[in-house]
Amino acid sequence: MKLTGIFTRRVRGFRVVDLLALVVLLVLALGVYGFKTLAGAQSANTLTVERQIAEEKRRVRLLHAELAHLEDPARIERLSTQYLGMKPVDAQHETSVEALPQIAERGTKP
């Protein structure tokens, strides 16, 4: 069969080249439909992930605010005084760096 026979041969009243073109057209149409469906699913998935990212960012901001509250020096001072009985160091208990070895020696003697 020659290549020109494809253009002239008929099957049930249709030329073979017309049937081949119809098959190619159907395959392309189904391919485009499939890719469009997949793209729509990816788009929906992208929106879901973006919403999750926004929610996580909101939670991170909330945690930063809570951490700032928990690390507030005034709050820590109030809690240490209230629950641990701690208070600021008196001036008579302060020392210099040079006096630290002497204090360490006194602390190790029985």
Protein backbone atom coordinates (compact mmCIF):
# COMPACT_ATOMS: atom_id res chain seq x y z
CA MET A 1 0.00 0.00 0.00
CA LYS A 2 1.39 3.31 -1.04
CA LEU A 3 1.23 6.46 1.03
CA THR A 4 -1.18 7.97 -1.49
CA GLY A 5 -3.50 5.05 -0.84
CA ILE A 6 -4.28 6.48 2.62
CA PHE A 7 -5.76 9.55 1.00
CA THR A 8 -7.88 7.65 -1.52
CA ARG A 9 -8.88 4.43 0.25
CA ARG A 10 -12.32 4.35 1.82
CA VAL A 11 -13.68 2.40 4.78
CA ARG A 12 -17.50 2.31 5.06
CA GLY A 13 -17.73 5.47 3.03
CA PHE A 14 -15.08 7.47 4.91
CA ARG A 15 -11.57 8.11 3.74
CA VAL A 16 -8.90 6.58 5.99
CA VAL A 17 -7.19 9.96 6.38
CA ASP A 18 -10.48 11.43 7.67
CA LEU A 19 -10.82 8.62 10.22
CA LEU A 20 -7.20 9.13 11.34
CA ALA A 21 -7.81 12.86 11.72
CA LEU A 22 -10.95 12.15 13.79
CA VAL A 23 -9.02 9.77 16.06
CA VAL A 24 -6.24 12.34 16.53
CA LEU A 25 -8.83 15.03 17.28
CA LEU A 26 -10.54 12.82 19.87
CA VAL A 27 -7.24 11.93 21.52
CA LEU A 28 -6.28 15.62 21.71
CA ALA A 29 -9.67 16.61 23.10
CA LEU A 30 -9.53 13.92 25.79
CA GLY A 31 -5.94 14.88 26.60
CA VAL A 32 -6.85 18.55 27.01
CA TYR A 33 -9.83 17.60 29.18
CA GLY A 34 -7.63 15.38 31.35
CA PHE A 35 -4.97 18.05 31.78
CA LYS A 36 -7.60 20.66 32.57
CA THR A 37 -9.08 18.39 35.24
CA LEU A 38 -5.65 17.78 36.76
CA ALA A 39 -4.90 21.52 36.72
CA GLY A 40 -8.18 22.21 38.54
CA ALA A 41 -7.31 19.66 41.20
CA GLN A 42 -3.84 21.20 41.61
CA SER A 43 -5.40 24.65 41.90
CA ALA A 44 -7.73 23.47 44.66
CA ASN A 45 -4.78 21.81 46.40
CA THR A 46 -2.77 25.03 46.12
CA LEU A 47 -5.58 27.02 47.73
CA THR A 48 -5.76 24.54 50.60
CA VAL A 49 -2.02 24.77 51.19
CA GLU A 50 -2.12 28.57 51.05
CA ARG A 51 -4.90 28.59 53.68
CA GLN A 52 -2.83 26.29 55.88
CA ILE A 53 0.20 28.57 55.50
CA ALA A 54 -1.87 31.61 56.48
CA GLU A 55 -3.22 29.77 59.53
CA GLU A 56 0.29 28.71 60.56
CA LYS A 57 1.56 32.29 60.20
CA ARG A 58 -1.30 33.46 62.42
CA ARG A 59 -0.41 30.83 65.01
CA VAL A 60 3.28 31.82 64.89
CA ARG A 61 2.35 35.47 65.52
CA LEU A 62 0.17 34.38 68.44
CA LEU A 63 3.00 32.28 69.89
CA HIS A 64 5.44 35.19 69.55
CA ALA A 65 3.01 37.42 71.46
CA GLU A 66 2.59 34.78 74.16
CA LEU A 67 6.36 34.33 74.43
CA ALA A 68 6.82 38.09 74.78
CA HIS A 69 4.28 38.07 77.61
CA LEU A 70 5.94 35.12 79.35
CA GLU A 71 9.42 36.68 79.09
CA ASP A 72 8.31 40.06 80.44
CA PRO A 73 10.86 41.03 83.15
CA ALA A 74 8.22 42.61 85.39
CA ARG A 75 6.14 39.42 85.28
CA ILE A 76 9.17 37.23 86.05
CA GLU A 77 10.13 39.48 88.96
CA ARG A 78 6.58 39.37 90.35
CA LEU A 79 6.40 35.57 90.06
CA SER A 80 9.85 35.04 91.58
CA THR A 81 8.90 37.20 94.54
CA GLN A 82 5.46 35.63 94.93
CA TYR A 83 6.31 31.94 94.56
CA LEU A 84 10.05 31.63 95.26
CA GLY A 85 10.51 34.33 97.85
CA MET A 86 13.28 35.91 95.80
CA LYS A 87 14.11 39.59 95.98
CA PRO A 88 16.67 41.89 94.42
CA VAL A 89 20.24 41.54 95.76
CA ASP A 90 21.08 43.95 98.57
CA ALA A 91 24.04 46.25 98.05
CA GLN A 92 25.94 44.61 100.93
CA HIS A 93 25.85 41.27 99.11
CA GLU A 94 27.38 42.58 95.92
CA THR A 95 31.01 41.79 95.18
CA SER A 96 33.69 42.48 92.60
CA VAL A 97 35.39 40.08 90.23
CA GLU A 98 38.63 40.27 92.23
CA ALA A 99 36.89 39.04 95.40
CA LEU A 100 35.38 35.94 93.78
CA PRO A 101 38.37 33.63 94.55
CA GLN A 102 38.17 34.52 98.24
CA ILE A 103 34.44 33.84 98.30
CA ALA A 104 35.00 30.51 96.54
CA GLU A 105 37.63 29.51 99.15
CA ARG A 106 35.25 30.34 101.99
CA GLY A 107 32.51 28.28 100.36
CA THR A 108 34.68 25.14 100.09
CA LYS A 109 35.92 25.16 103.71
CA PRO A 110 33.83 23.16 106.17
